[in-house]
Protein backbone atom coordinates (compact mmCIF):
# COMPACT_ATOMS: atom_id res chain seq x y z
CA UNK A 1 -1.53 4.10 25.69
CA UNK A 2 -4.63 5.39 27.48
CA UNK A 3 -7.11 2.99 29.07
CA UNK A 4 -10.37 4.25 30.57
CA UNK A 5 -12.52 2.20 32.95
CA UNK A 6 -16.19 3.19 33.10
CA UNK A 7 -18.98 2.28 35.50
CA UNK A 8 -22.14 4.02 36.67
CA UNK A 9 -21.02 6.63 39.21
CA UNK A 10 -17.22 6.22 39.32
CA UNK A 11 -17.28 5.52 43.05
CA UNK A 12 -16.94 1.70 43.22
CA UNK A 13 -16.00 -0.50 40.27
CA UNK A 14 -14.16 1.76 37.82
CA UNK A 15 -11.93 3.41 40.44
CA UNK A 16 -11.10 -0.03 41.82
CA UNK A 17 -10.20 -1.12 38.28
CA UNK A 18 -8.02 1.96 37.78
CA UNK A 19 -6.02 1.39 40.97
CA UNK A 20 -5.74 -2.37 40.45
CA UNK A 21 -4.58 -1.89 36.86
CA UNK A 22 -1.91 0.64 37.88
CA UNK A 23 -0.58 -1.88 40.38
CA UNK A 24 -0.53 -4.68 37.79
CA UNK A 25 0.66 -2.86 34.65
CA UNK A 26 3.09 0.03 35.13
CA UNK A 27 3.65 2.42 32.25
CA UNK A 28 0.07 2.52 30.97
CA UNK A 29 -2.10 5.62 31.51
CA UNK A 30 -5.14 4.26 33.39
CA UNK A 31 -8.09 6.41 34.40
CA UNK A 32 -11.73 5.96 35.33
CA UNK A 33 -15.05 7.72 34.91
CA UNK A 34 -18.77 7.28 35.43
CA UNK A 35 -21.71 7.34 33.04
CA UNK A 36 -23.73 9.23 35.66
CA UNK A 37 -20.97 10.45 37.97
CA UNK A 38 -21.36 13.29 40.42
CA UNK A 39 -18.03 15.06 39.83
CA UNK A 40 -15.92 15.18 42.96
CA UNK A 41 -17.72 12.38 44.82
CA UNK A 42 -15.45 10.15 46.89
CA UNK A 43 -15.14 6.42 46.37
CA UNK A 44 -17.27 4.39 48.73
CA UNK A 45 -15.74 3.42 52.04
CA UNK A 46 -16.17 -0.27 51.25
CA UNK A 47 -14.39 0.08 47.91
CA UNK A 48 -11.51 1.83 49.67
CA UNK A 49 -11.43 -0.89 52.33
CA UNK A 50 -11.45 -3.69 49.73
CA UNK A 51 -8.37 -2.18 48.07
CA UNK A 52 -6.68 -1.37 51.37
CA UNK A 53 -6.72 -5.12 52.06
CA UNK A 54 -4.30 -5.36 49.11
CA UNK A 55 -2.28 -2.36 50.35
CA UNK A 56 -3.74 -0.16 47.60
CA UNK A 57 -5.05 3.35 48.20
CA UNK A 58 -8.37 4.66 46.90
CA UNK A 59 -8.90 7.43 49.46
CA UNK A 60 -7.81 10.28 47.15
CA UNK A 61 -10.14 9.27 44.31
CA UNK A 62 -12.78 11.76 43.15
CA UNK A 63 -15.48 10.88 40.62
CA UNK A 64 -15.27 12.17 37.06
CA UNK A 65 -17.95 12.15 34.35
CA UNK A 66 -17.14 10.09 31.28
CA UNK A 67 -17.56 13.14 29.02
CA UNK A 68 -14.62 14.77 30.78
CA UNK A 69 -12.28 11.87 29.98
CA UNK A 70 -12.77 11.56 26.23
CA UNK A 71 -10.34 14.21 24.95
CA UNK A 72 -8.10 12.92 23.64
CA UNK A 73 -9.99 9.68 23.12
CA UNK A 74 -8.65 6.75 25.12
CA UNK A 75 -7.21 3.83 23.17
CA UNK A 76 -9.42 1.39 25.07
CA UNK A 77 -12.57 1.84 27.13
CA UNK A 78 -13.65 -0.96 29.45
CA UNK A 79 -17.14 -0.94 30.92
CA UNK A 80 -18.51 -3.16 33.66
CA UNK A 81 -21.78 -4.36 32.11
CA UNK A 82 -23.33 -5.10 28.75
CA UNK A 83 -25.89 -2.35 29.44
CA UNK A 84 -23.06 0.16 29.88
CA UNK A 85 -21.46 -1.05 26.65
CA UNK A 86 -24.72 -0.39 24.81
CA UNK A 87 -25.11 3.00 26.50
CA UNK A 88 -21.58 4.24 25.80
CA UNK A 89 -21.82 3.13 22.17
CA UNK A 90 -25.13 4.99 21.81
CA UNK A 91 -23.94 8.18 23.55
CA UNK A 92 -20.56 8.27 21.84
CA UNK A 93 -20.85 6.37 18.54
CA UNK A 94 -17.35 7.35 17.45
CA UNK A 95 -15.94 5.46 20.47
CA UNK A 96 -17.93 2.28 19.93
CA UNK A 97 -15.03 0.30 18.48
CA UNK A 98 -12.81 1.25 21.42
CA UNK A 99 -15.28 0.01 24.05
CA UNK A 100 -15.52 -3.50 25.47
CA UNK A 101 -16.57 -5.32 28.60
CA UNK A 102 -13.79 -5.39 31.17
CA UNK A 103 -14.23 -9.09 31.84
CA UNK A 104 -12.97 -10.83 28.68
CA UNK A 105 -15.28 -13.78 29.42
CA UNK A 106 -18.23 -11.50 28.71
CA UNK A 107 -19.43 -11.55 32.31
CA UNK A 108 -20.90 -8.39 33.83
CA UNK A 109 -19.17 -6.93 36.89
CA UNK A 110 -22.19 -6.22 39.07
CA UNK A 111 -22.45 -3.02 41.09
CA UNK A 112 -21.62 -3.61 44.77
CA UNK A 113 -22.95 -0.20 45.86
CA UNK A 114 -24.69 -0.44 49.22
CA UNK A 115 -23.88 -4.12 49.66
CA UNK A 116 -21.67 -5.98 52.12
CA UNK A 117 -17.89 -5.93 52.42
CA UNK A 118 -17.86 -9.51 51.09
CA UNK A 119 -19.63 -8.40 47.90
CA UNK A 120 -17.05 -5.63 47.45
CA UNK A 121 -14.25 -8.20 47.88
CA UNK A 122 -15.80 -10.48 45.26
CA UNK A 123 -16.20 -7.51 42.92
CA UNK A 124 -12.58 -6.51 43.51
CA UNK A 125 -11.41 -10.04 42.82
CA UNK A 126 -13.43 -10.28 39.60
CA UNK A 127 -12.02 -6.96 38.42
CA UNK A 128 -8.49 -8.02 39.32
CA UNK A 129 -8.91 -11.27 37.40
CA UNK A 130 -10.16 -9.41 34.34
CA UNK A 131 -7.24 -6.98 34.50
CA UNK A 132 -4.76 -9.82 34.77
CA UNK A 133 -6.37 -11.50 31.77
CA UNK A 134 -5.98 -8.32 29.70
CA UNK A 135 -2.59 -7.16 31.04
CA UNK A 136 -0.38 -8.88 28.48
CA UNK A 137 -2.23 -7.18 25.61
CA UNK A 138 -1.75 -3.77 27.23
CA UNK A 139 1.95 -4.41 27.80
CA UNK A 140 2.58 -5.64 24.27
CA UNK A 141 0.70 -2.69 22.73
CA UNK A 142 2.42 -0.05 24.88
CA UNK A 143 5.98 0.98 24.07
CA UNK A 144 6.28 2.66 27.52
CA UNK A 145 5.58 -0.54 29.48
CA UNK A 146 8.59 -1.83 31.41
CA UNK A 147 7.64 -5.40 30.46
CA UNK A 148 8.30 -4.79 26.77
C-alpha cells in the first residue's frame, strides 16, 4: 500500500506526517510531496526540531513536487487543508477519489511555516493524532503490515 501526504511546499507538514506515519505503522510505503514544492528544498529547522523531540529524524528530507509522486498512483492521498483537497482534485481529477483530509475530523492542519516552535509542536501533535486515528485502517488494508 502506498500513502502520500501532501502539503504546500513539502518542507513542514507533509514530511512530518511521513516520518510520524513510518514510526507508527511499519510496512506501509509512506511518502510526501508539495503542491508548490521547490524540489530539493530541506525541511524547516523547526519541523526537524519538533520531530527530534520525539527521537525522529527529518534532516535528510528533500522536497518533492506532487507530480513526481503520482506514478504509480498512491492508494491514498492525504492533504492538510480543504483548499488543498479542492486543488488536488482539480489538478488531478483521476485521483480525486483517493484524496482526503489527513485529519479524519475534517479539521485543517494549518501551515506552521515561519511561526514559533510551539506552533510546530502543536502541528506535529495534530498530525500525529490524525495518523493514529487512521493507522488501523492502513494496517488492515495492507498485507505487508506486521500488525496483520
